[in-house]
Amino acid sequence: MSDNKIIELTPFRADLTRALARRGERLLAAPDLADEVAALEPLEAYYIVREIGLDQSLAILLQLSPEQLEACVDLDCWSRYDFAADSLDEWLSAFALAGPEALAQGFFALDYVVQLLFLAQTVTVYDPDMDEVPPQDEEDENAPVRAMTPDGFYLLELKSQLAFRTHPFTVLDALYQYDLTATHQLLSEVRVDLPSQIEEEALRFRNGRMQDIGFVTPEEADILFSRPGPQPPLARPQQPQESPVTRVPSVYAVPFTDSTLLQQALALISDQAGLARLEQELVWVINSAIIAYGEKTQDTKQITDIAERVRDTICLGLESLIARQEPQVPPAGPEAVTRAADLLAARYMSDLFRHGFAATQGLQREVRQALQEPAFRAWYHLADTEQSEESGDRLQRAFVAGLLGRHPLRSGFDLAHPEAVKAFACLADIDVAHLRLKQLVRQILCPTS
């Protein structure tokens, strides 16, 4: 039996295989689609829909549970602290492809405060018998669009000037057809509540749900880019925590199919509870990194790149700790893999990421020191129109730029894509970068030597 076959049979490899088997087109072709969708964790469901595309995901959308749909909206329809009604419109428009009833069911499956928030941002609600309704010039082409509700209680005025795919009045018509009483109640609350108060309450609930799936606040996510403590935690739990996240979604799983120090170490973990805890931590670190890097979850290709960056940084952290604790252990060999598995049992994934981050700080100090030299600084900040047209020069600038980011990264290694970045994955990568930077500084400061 080959080594590759042995790797495929490990519990971690099996988990990755199951995750990848749940990817979009395969899921759509499943004969028991309802059961397959019901088995998805909310984060998995979101990324699967995003991979396929909303317009192609109707069969899945119609099977989503309220919790799954809630996660989709939480991830897709907020920009930091602001709710984007036009983003929710994209999801509602996908439901609308199946007709008014499906649209109404999708809307009512949302968190109640989100229902209020969408309406508060899109329509002004007047009670003609009690409110002072502003007069409207019917000949004014720019006057807001108005309509009476089907029950005749409220006058609605379109508030948003955004170009919605499904008009808010169309949404309300579907809601009235489906449940007149519930829709009337929604509009009565929108009429009297301040939009800012509704948004504040919706944001509070959304932040709590996001925390539950590992999307922490930007301030908490920034801890990834800080130096780790010298010692591991005294009591590290080995069981997974109670959370909607217990396994790696398919979008995150792709980079972990490659043979790396982290993948090989995870392959040695046979205890299912311990492995579940590690996978849970891995997802949380990736989610925190998405926040820390300021990325959007909608771009699944970019999110997979972030997962790869997290993988490589954790690998670097593992190797750095092994080299510090047992310098005689070769970095590429079975003993290093065993030591890495021991570290996984002793340290949090976030702690290992921070050790990998710390291993890049020497490079950043060196490049910042080089920029103190007037000649090097002048070369780096040279105007685009004055820079050399040689591809090598562009690669070197991208190399320096990659090291200057909050998380120093490898760049300037691909002639076709000079600004492409990857994380440093091992100490050999760091050594190569040290040598490259040293040669570059010498070349700039002493061009004739």
Protein backbone atom coordinates (compact mmCIF):
# COMPACT_ATOMS: atom_id res chain seq x y z
CA MET A 1 0.00 0.00 0.00
CA SER A 2 1.43 3.41 -0.97
CA ASP A 3 1.96 6.32 1.42
CA ASN A 4 -0.62 8.32 -0.52
CA LYS A 5 -3.22 5.63 0.12
CA ILE A 6 -2.43 5.69 3.84
CA ILE A 7 -2.96 9.46 3.96
CA GLU A 8 -6.32 9.15 2.22
CA LEU A 9 -7.56 6.77 4.92
CA THR A 10 -6.85 9.10 7.87
CA PRO A 11 -9.83 10.64 9.72
CA PHE A 12 -8.80 14.18 8.72
CA ARG A 13 -8.50 13.21 5.06
CA ALA A 14 -11.91 11.56 5.27
CA ASP A 15 -13.40 14.78 6.69
CA LEU A 16 -11.91 16.79 3.81
CA THR A 17 -13.26 14.29 1.28
CA ARG A 18 -16.75 14.59 2.75
CA ALA A 19 -16.51 18.39 2.67
CA LEU A 20 -15.44 18.46 -0.96
CA ALA A 21 -18.20 16.00 -1.88
CA ARG A 22 -20.73 18.58 -0.68
CA ARG A 23 -19.62 21.20 -3.20
CA GLY A 24 -22.27 22.91 -5.31
CA GLU A 25 -22.89 20.94 -8.48
CA ARG A 26 -22.54 17.62 -6.69
CA LEU A 27 -25.04 18.75 -4.07
CA LEU A 28 -27.54 19.91 -6.70
CA ALA A 29 -27.37 16.49 -8.35
CA ALA A 30 -28.07 14.64 -5.09
CA PRO A 31 -31.26 12.54 -5.24
CA ASP A 32 -32.06 13.41 -1.61
CA LEU A 33 -31.36 17.15 -1.85
CA ALA A 34 -33.59 18.10 1.10
CA ASP A 35 -31.74 15.74 3.44
CA GLU A 36 -28.34 16.84 2.13
CA VAL A 37 -29.14 20.52 2.66
CA ALA A 38 -30.55 19.83 6.13
CA ALA A 39 -27.24 18.20 7.08
CA LEU A 40 -25.22 21.29 6.15
CA GLU A 41 -23.92 23.59 8.86
CA PRO A 42 -24.93 27.23 8.27
CA LEU A 43 -21.43 28.27 7.18
CA GLU A 44 -21.25 25.36 4.72
CA ALA A 45 -24.63 26.26 3.27
CA TYR A 46 -23.60 29.86 2.72
CA TYR A 47 -20.37 29.06 0.87
CA ILE A 48 -22.04 26.42 -1.28
CA VAL A 49 -24.68 28.91 -2.43
CA ARG A 50 -21.98 31.52 -3.05
CA GLU A 51 -19.90 29.07 -5.09
CA ILE A 52 -22.82 28.09 -7.30
CA GLY A 53 -24.24 31.60 -7.54
CA LEU A 54 -27.56 32.84 -6.22
CA ASP A 55 -29.33 32.62 -9.56
CA GLN A 56 -28.40 28.95 -9.89
CA SER A 57 -29.10 27.94 -6.28
CA LEU A 58 -32.89 28.11 -6.11
CA ALA A 59 -33.28 24.38 -5.41
CA ILE A 60 -30.95 24.75 -2.41
CA LEU A 61 -32.41 28.05 -1.23
CA LEU A 62 -35.88 26.54 -1.00
CA GLN A 63 -34.54 23.89 1.39
CA LEU A 64 -32.59 26.20 3.71
CA SER A 65 -33.59 26.26 7.36
CA PRO A 66 -34.12 29.65 9.05
CA GLU A 67 -30.76 29.22 10.81
CA GLN A 68 -28.96 28.53 7.54
CA LEU A 69 -30.62 31.48 5.79
CA GLU A 70 -29.90 33.68 8.79
CA ALA A 71 -26.17 32.91 8.47
CA CYS A 72 -26.27 33.69 4.75
CA VAL A 73 -27.79 37.11 5.39
CA ASP A 74 -25.45 37.81 8.31
CA LEU A 75 -22.43 37.13 6.11
CA ASP A 76 -23.63 38.73 2.91
CA CYS A 77 -25.78 41.73 3.76
CA TRP A 78 -23.68 43.73 6.20
CA SER A 79 -20.66 45.95 5.59
CA ARG A 80 -18.99 46.22 8.96
CA TYR A 81 -21.72 47.98 10.94
CA ASP A 82 -24.10 48.91 8.12
CA PHE A 83 -26.91 46.83 6.68
CA ALA A 84 -27.13 46.70 2.87
CA ALA A 85 -30.75 46.37 1.77
CA ASP A 86 -29.68 45.93 -1.86
CA SER A 87 -27.64 42.86 -0.88
CA LEU A 88 -30.69 41.30 0.77
CA ASP A 89 -32.60 42.16 -2.39
CA GLU A 90 -30.29 39.77 -4.29
CA TRP A 91 -31.29 36.90 -2.00
CA LEU A 92 -34.99 37.80 -2.11
CA SER A 93 -34.84 38.01 -5.90
CA ALA A 94 -33.46 34.48 -6.03
CA PHE A 95 -36.45 33.27 -3.98
CA ALA A 96 -38.77 35.30 -6.23
CA LEU A 97 -37.78 33.09 -9.17
CA ALA A 98 -40.04 30.43 -7.61
CA GLY A 99 -43.00 32.81 -7.27
CA PRO A 100 -44.64 35.07 -4.66
CA GLU A 101 -45.20 32.31 -2.10
CA ALA A 102 -41.53 31.27 -2.11
CA LEU A 103 -40.53 34.94 -1.86
CA ALA A 104 -42.78 35.45 1.15
CA GLN A 105 -41.62 32.25 2.84
CA GLY A 106 -37.99 33.26 2.34
CA PHE A 107 -38.65 36.72 3.78
CA PHE A 108 -40.53 35.44 6.81
CA ALA A 109 -37.71 32.93 7.46
CA LEU A 110 -35.38 35.87 8.16
CA ASP A 111 -34.70 37.10 11.66
CA TYR A 112 -37.66 39.32 12.62
CA VAL A 113 -35.48 42.38 13.23
CA VAL A 114 -33.92 41.96 9.78
CA GLN A 115 -37.42 41.92 8.28
CA LEU A 116 -38.10 45.22 10.04
CA LEU A 117 -34.74 46.63 8.99
CA PHE A 118 -35.22 45.86 5.30
CA LEU A 119 -38.62 47.51 5.26
CA ALA A 120 -37.44 50.48 7.34
CA GLN A 121 -34.66 51.13 4.85
CA THR A 122 -36.85 50.82 1.78
CA VAL A 123 -40.27 52.29 2.59
CA THR A 124 -41.84 55.01 4.72
CA VAL A 125 -45.11 53.90 6.27
CA TYR A 126 -47.93 56.40 6.84
CA ASP A 127 -51.29 55.91 8.49
CA PRO A 128 -53.43 58.40 6.50
CA ASP A 129 -55.92 58.68 9.37
CA MET A 130 -53.31 59.58 12.00
CA ASP A 131 -50.16 60.86 10.29
CA GLU A 132 -49.46 64.11 8.50
CA VAL A 133 -48.72 62.88 4.99
CA PRO A 134 -46.48 65.28 3.03
CA PRO A 135 -48.22 66.63 -0.08
CA GLN A 136 -46.95 65.33 -3.38
CA ASP A 137 -46.87 67.01 -6.76
CA GLU A 138 -48.21 64.38 -9.16
CA GLU A 139 -46.52 66.12 -12.06
CA ASP A 140 -43.09 65.89 -10.40
CA GLU A 141 -41.26 63.04 -12.13
CA ASN A 142 -38.80 62.80 -9.22
CA ALA A 143 -41.48 62.46 -6.57
CA PRO A 144 -41.21 59.26 -4.46
CA VAL A 145 -43.39 56.38 -5.60
CA ARG A 146 -46.41 55.74 -3.37
CA ALA A 147 -48.95 52.95 -3.01
CA MET A 148 -51.69 51.89 -0.60
CA THR A 149 -51.41 48.51 1.08
CA PRO A 150 -53.91 45.87 -0.08
CA ASP A 151 -55.81 46.12 3.23
CA GLY A 152 -56.14 49.90 2.83
CA PHE A 153 -54.56 50.68 6.22
CA TYR A 154 -51.22 52.19 5.21
CA LEU A 155 -49.78 54.47 2.57
CA LEU A 156 -46.30 53.37 1.52
CA GLU A 157 -43.68 55.67 0.06
CA LEU A 158 -40.59 54.24 -1.58
CA LYS A 159 -37.62 55.50 0.38
CA SER A 160 -34.56 54.02 -1.29
CA GLN A 161 -33.28 55.17 -4.66
CA LEU A 162 -31.33 51.95 -5.15
CA ALA A 163 -32.08 49.88 -8.24
CA PHE A 164 -33.67 46.79 -6.72
CA ARG A 165 -34.05 43.62 -8.75
CA THR A 166 -37.30 42.93 -6.93
CA HIS A 167 -39.23 46.10 -6.12
CA PRO A 168 -39.97 46.49 -2.37
CA PHE A 169 -43.65 46.91 -3.20
CA THR A 170 -43.52 43.55 -5.01
CA VAL A 171 -42.06 42.02 -1.87
CA LEU A 172 -44.86 43.52 0.22
CA ASP A 173 -47.50 42.30 -2.20
CA ALA A 174 -46.14 38.77 -1.81
CA LEU A 175 -46.11 39.15 1.98
CA TYR A 176 -49.71 40.34 2.06
CA GLN A 177 -50.81 37.43 -0.11
CA TYR A 178 -49.05 34.96 2.17
CA ASP A 179 -49.87 36.35 5.63
CA LEU A 180 -51.85 39.56 5.86
CA THR A 181 -51.79 39.71 9.68
CA ALA A 182 -48.02 39.26 9.99
CA THR A 183 -47.33 41.82 7.26
CA HIS A 184 -49.67 44.37 8.85
CA GLN A 185 -47.83 43.89 12.15
CA LEU A 186 -44.46 44.46 10.47
CA LEU A 187 -45.58 47.70 8.86
CA SER A 188 -47.16 48.95 12.08
CA GLU A 189 -43.80 48.57 13.83
CA VAL A 190 -41.84 50.11 10.95
CA ARG A 191 -44.19 53.10 11.09
CA VAL A 192 -43.40 53.96 14.74
CA ASP A 193 -39.83 52.68 15.29
CA LEU A 194 -36.76 54.69 14.36
CA PRO A 195 -34.67 53.02 11.61
CA SER A 196 -31.50 53.68 13.61
CA GLN A 197 -32.91 51.80 16.61
CA ILE A 198 -33.96 48.88 14.42
CA GLU A 199 -30.51 48.71 12.82
CA GLU A 200 -28.78 48.90 16.20
CA GLU A 201 -30.82 45.99 17.52
CA ALA A 202 -30.33 43.96 14.33
CA LEU A 203 -26.59 44.56 14.46
CA ARG A 204 -26.42 43.40 18.08
CA PHE A 205 -28.17 40.13 17.27
CA ARG A 206 -26.09 39.68 14.11
CA ASN A 207 -22.80 40.22 15.97
CA GLY A 208 -23.77 37.55 18.48
CA ARG A 209 -24.53 35.04 15.74
CA MET A 210 -21.31 35.93 13.90
CA GLN A 211 -19.31 35.36 17.09
CA ASP A 212 -20.89 31.91 17.38
CA ILE A 213 -19.44 30.87 13.98
CA GLY A 214 -16.03 32.44 14.58
CA PHE A 215 -16.36 35.82 12.89
CA VAL A 216 -15.13 38.00 15.73
CA THR A 217 -14.93 41.78 15.87
CA PRO A 218 -12.09 43.46 13.93
CA GLU A 219 -10.40 44.30 17.24
CA GLU A 220 -10.43 40.66 18.33
CA ALA A 221 -9.34 39.45 14.88
CA ASP A 222 -6.30 41.73 15.01
CA ILE A 223 -4.93 39.58 17.85
CA LEU A 224 -3.78 37.17 15.11
CA PHE A 225 -1.18 39.78 14.16
CA SER A 226 0.37 40.04 17.60
CA ARG A 227 3.20 38.21 19.28
CA PRO A 228 2.17 35.01 21.08
CA GLY A 229 2.75 34.35 24.74
CA PRO A 230 5.85 32.37 25.65
CA GLN A 231 3.96 29.41 27.10
CA PRO A 232 0.98 27.32 25.89
CA PRO A 233 -2.29 27.51 27.90
CA LEU A 234 -2.24 25.41 31.06
CA ALA A 235 -5.54 23.63 30.34
CA ARG A 236 -6.45 23.33 26.69
CA PRO A 237 -9.86 21.67 26.08
CA GLN A 238 -9.78 18.62 23.85
CA GLN A 239 -13.50 18.52 23.10
CA PRO A 240 -15.16 20.79 20.52
CA GLN A 241 -17.10 23.70 21.93
CA GLU A 242 -20.84 24.05 21.54
CA SER A 243 -21.07 25.96 18.25
CA PRO A 244 -22.79 25.94 14.84
CA VAL A 245 -19.30 25.24 13.44
CA THR A 246 -17.85 21.74 13.89
CA ARG A 247 -16.23 20.95 10.54
CA VAL A 248 -14.32 22.52 7.67
CA PRO A 249 -16.49 23.93 4.84
CA SER A 250 -15.57 22.90 1.30
CA VAL A 251 -14.26 26.38 0.38
CA TYR A 252 -11.76 26.13 3.25
CA ALA A 253 -10.96 22.45 2.69
CA VAL A 254 -9.24 22.74 -0.70
CA PRO A 255 -5.80 23.96 0.55
CA PHE A 256 -5.68 21.27 3.21
CA THR A 257 -5.65 18.46 0.68
CA ASP A 258 -2.01 19.37 -0.11
CA SER A 259 0.72 17.58 1.81
CA THR A 260 2.03 20.11 4.33
CA LEU A 261 3.40 19.83 7.85
CA LEU A 262 -0.01 20.78 9.25
CA GLN A 263 -1.87 18.31 7.04
CA GLN A 264 0.50 15.49 7.95
CA ALA A 265 0.23 16.32 11.66
CA LEU A 266 -3.58 16.37 11.51
CA ALA A 267 -3.42 13.01 9.74
CA LEU A 268 -1.90 11.54 12.92
CA ILE A 269 -4.91 12.59 15.04
CA SER A 270 -7.12 9.52 15.41
CA ASP A 271 -9.30 10.71 18.30
CA GLN A 272 -12.48 11.98 16.63
CA ALA A 273 -13.37 14.45 19.38
CA GLY A 274 -9.87 15.89 19.39
CA LEU A 275 -9.88 16.17 15.60
CA ALA A 276 -13.28 17.88 15.67
CA ARG A 277 -11.91 20.40 18.16
CA LEU A 278 -8.90 21.11 15.91
CA GLU A 279 -11.06 21.50 12.81
CA GLN A 280 -13.34 23.85 14.71
CA GLU A 281 -10.36 25.95 15.77
CA LEU A 282 -9.05 25.94 12.21
CA VAL A 283 -12.34 27.33 10.89
CA TRP A 284 -12.37 29.99 13.60
CA VAL A 285 -8.83 31.11 12.71
CA ILE A 286 -9.73 31.33 9.01
CA ASN A 287 -12.87 33.30 9.87
CA SER A 288 -10.85 35.65 12.08
CA ALA A 289 -8.27 36.06 9.32
CA ILE A 290 -11.00 37.02 6.84
CA ILE A 291 -12.01 39.81 9.22
CA ALA A 292 -8.41 40.82 9.98
CA TYR A 293 -7.48 41.02 6.30
CA GLY A 294 -10.64 43.03 5.61
CA GLU A 295 -11.92 40.56 3.02
CA LYS A 296 -15.48 39.95 1.84
CA THR A 297 -16.94 36.48 2.16
CA GLN A 298 -18.70 36.75 -1.22
CA ASP A 299 -15.51 36.03 -3.22
CA THR A 300 -15.02 32.32 -2.62
CA LYS A 301 -11.76 32.23 -4.63
CA GLN A 302 -10.27 34.89 -2.37
CA ILE A 303 -11.56 33.10 0.72
CA THR A 304 -9.83 29.89 -0.40
CA ASP A 305 -6.63 31.94 -0.79
CA ILE A 306 -7.06 33.19 2.79
CA ALA A 307 -7.49 29.59 3.98
CA GLU A 308 -4.23 28.72 2.20
CA ARG A 309 -2.52 31.69 3.84
CA VAL A 310 -3.72 30.54 7.26
CA ARG A 311 -2.54 26.99 6.54
CA ASP A 312 0.95 28.17 5.58
CA THR A 313 1.29 30.53 8.54
CA ILE A 314 0.32 27.76 10.97
CA CYS A 315 2.86 25.46 9.26
CA LEU A 316 5.51 28.13 9.79
CA GLY A 317 4.47 28.46 13.42
CA LEU A 318 4.76 24.70 13.95
CA GLU A 319 8.20 24.55 12.36
CA SER A 320 9.39 27.60 14.31
CA LEU A 321 8.37 26.05 17.62
CA ILE A 322 9.96 22.71 16.74
CA ALA A 323 13.20 24.41 15.71
CA ARG A 324 13.27 26.37 18.95
CA GLN A 325 12.46 23.42 21.21
CA GLU A 326 14.31 20.64 19.37
CA PRO A 327 16.74 22.16 16.85
CA GLN A 328 18.17 18.73 16.00
CA VAL A 329 14.89 17.56 14.46
CA PRO A 330 15.00 17.81 10.62
CA PRO A 331 12.16 20.05 9.39
CA ALA A 332 11.10 17.56 6.72
CA GLY A 333 10.70 14.13 8.23
CA PRO A 334 8.48 11.87 10.33
CA GLU A 335 9.90 13.13 13.64
CA ALA A 336 8.92 16.70 12.79
CA VAL A 337 5.39 15.53 11.93
CA THR A 338 5.13 13.75 15.30
CA ARG A 339 6.34 16.87 17.12
CA ALA A 340 3.85 18.97 15.17
CA ALA A 341 1.00 16.64 16.21
CA ASP A 342 2.09 17.07 19.84
CA LEU A 343 1.98 20.84 19.41
CA LEU A 344 -1.54 20.62 17.99
CA ALA A 345 -2.61 18.84 21.16
CA ALA A 346 -0.97 21.46 23.37
CA ARG A 347 -1.62 24.78 21.63
CA TYR A 348 -4.55 26.57 20.04
CA MET A 349 -4.52 27.02 16.27
CA SER A 350 -4.62 30.79 16.79
CA ASP A 351 -1.51 30.53 18.96
CA LEU A 352 0.30 28.57 16.23
CA PHE A 353 -0.74 31.19 13.67
CA ARG A 354 0.72 33.91 15.88
CA HIS A 355 3.99 32.00 16.16
CA GLY A 356 4.10 31.84 12.36
CA PHE A 357 3.40 35.55 12.18
CA ALA A 358 6.18 36.24 14.71
CA ALA A 359 8.64 34.32 12.53
CA THR A 360 8.15 36.92 9.75
CA GLN A 361 8.86 39.94 11.93
CA GLY A 362 12.63 39.81 11.47
CA LEU A 363 12.14 40.24 7.73
CA GLN A 364 9.89 43.23 8.26
CA ARG A 365 12.39 44.85 10.59
CA GLU A 366 15.12 44.37 8.00
CA VAL A 367 13.14 45.92 5.17
CA ARG A 368 12.10 48.86 7.33
CA GLN A 369 15.72 49.37 8.29
CA ALA A 370 16.69 49.31 4.61
CA LEU A 371 14.10 52.03 3.92
CA GLN A 372 15.95 54.28 6.34
CA GLU A 373 18.68 54.48 3.70
CA PRO A 374 17.91 57.43 1.36
CA ALA A 375 19.01 55.57 -1.78
CA PHE A 376 16.85 52.51 -1.02
CA ARG A 377 13.89 54.67 -0.05
CA ALA A 378 14.24 56.69 -3.25
CA TRP A 379 14.32 53.49 -5.32
CA TYR A 380 11.23 52.04 -3.66
CA HIS A 381 9.18 55.24 -3.87
CA LEU A 382 10.22 56.10 -7.42
CA ALA A 383 7.26 57.34 -9.49
CA ASP A 384 5.72 54.75 -11.79
CA THR A 385 6.72 56.73 -14.88
CA GLU A 386 10.37 56.68 -13.81
CA GLN A 387 10.65 53.04 -12.81
CA SER A 388 12.66 50.57 -14.84
CA GLU A 389 10.66 48.59 -17.39
CA GLU A 390 12.63 45.45 -16.60
CA SER A 391 10.38 42.75 -15.16
CA GLY A 392 12.95 41.97 -12.49
CA ASP A 393 12.67 45.47 -11.06
CA ARG A 394 8.90 45.15 -10.76
CA LEU A 395 9.29 41.80 -9.02
CA GLN A 396 11.70 43.31 -6.50
CA ARG A 397 9.32 46.17 -5.68
CA ALA A 398 6.49 43.69 -5.18
CA PHE A 399 8.82 41.63 -2.95
CA VAL A 400 9.49 44.65 -0.72
CA ALA A 401 5.80 45.68 -0.69
CA GLY A 402 4.80 42.19 0.46
CA LEU A 403 7.11 42.42 3.46
CA LEU A 404 5.78 45.82 4.52
CA GLY A 405 2.16 44.74 5.09
CA ARG A 406 0.67 44.16 8.52
CA HIS A 407 1.27 40.46 7.86
CA PRO A 408 4.56 40.14 5.94
CA LEU A 409 3.92 37.95 2.88
CA ARG A 410 5.88 36.48 0.00
CA SER A 411 5.48 38.44 -3.23
CA GLY A 412 7.41 39.16 -6.41
CA PHE A 413 7.86 35.48 -7.32
CA ASP A 414 5.67 35.27 -10.45
CA LEU A 415 6.58 37.18 -13.61
CA ALA A 416 3.03 36.89 -14.91
CA HIS A 417 1.54 38.16 -11.61
CA PRO A 418 4.26 40.15 -9.79
CA GLU A 419 1.92 41.41 -7.04
CA ALA A 420 0.56 37.94 -6.18
CA VAL A 421 1.10 37.07 -2.51
CA LYS A 422 1.47 33.91 -0.49
CA ALA A 423 2.25 33.36 3.15
CA PHE A 424 5.66 32.16 4.27
CA ALA A 425 5.15 28.44 4.90
CA CYS A 426 8.48 27.30 6.35
CA LEU A 427 11.77 28.59 7.75
CA ALA A 428 13.46 27.88 4.41
CA ASP A 429 11.12 30.45 2.83
CA ILE A 430 12.23 32.96 5.47
CA ASP A 431 15.91 32.22 4.84
CA VAL A 432 15.50 32.68 1.07
CA ALA A 433 13.74 36.01 1.64
CA HIS A 434 16.48 37.17 4.04
CA LEU A 435 19.11 36.44 1.38
CA ARG A 436 17.08 38.07 -1.39
CA LEU A 437 16.57 41.22 0.66
CA LYS A 438 20.24 41.40 1.59
CA GLN A 439 21.27 41.12 -2.07
CA LEU A 440 18.68 43.70 -3.13
CA VAL A 441 19.87 46.22 -0.53
CA ARG A 442 23.47 45.71 -1.64
CA GLN A 443 22.44 46.11 -5.27
CA ILE A 444 20.63 49.40 -4.60
CA LEU A 445 23.13 50.90 -2.18
CA CYS A 446 26.31 49.69 -3.87
CA PRO A 447 25.42 49.29 -7.57
CA THR A 448 29.04 49.07 -8.75
CA SER A 449 30.32 46.60 -6.17
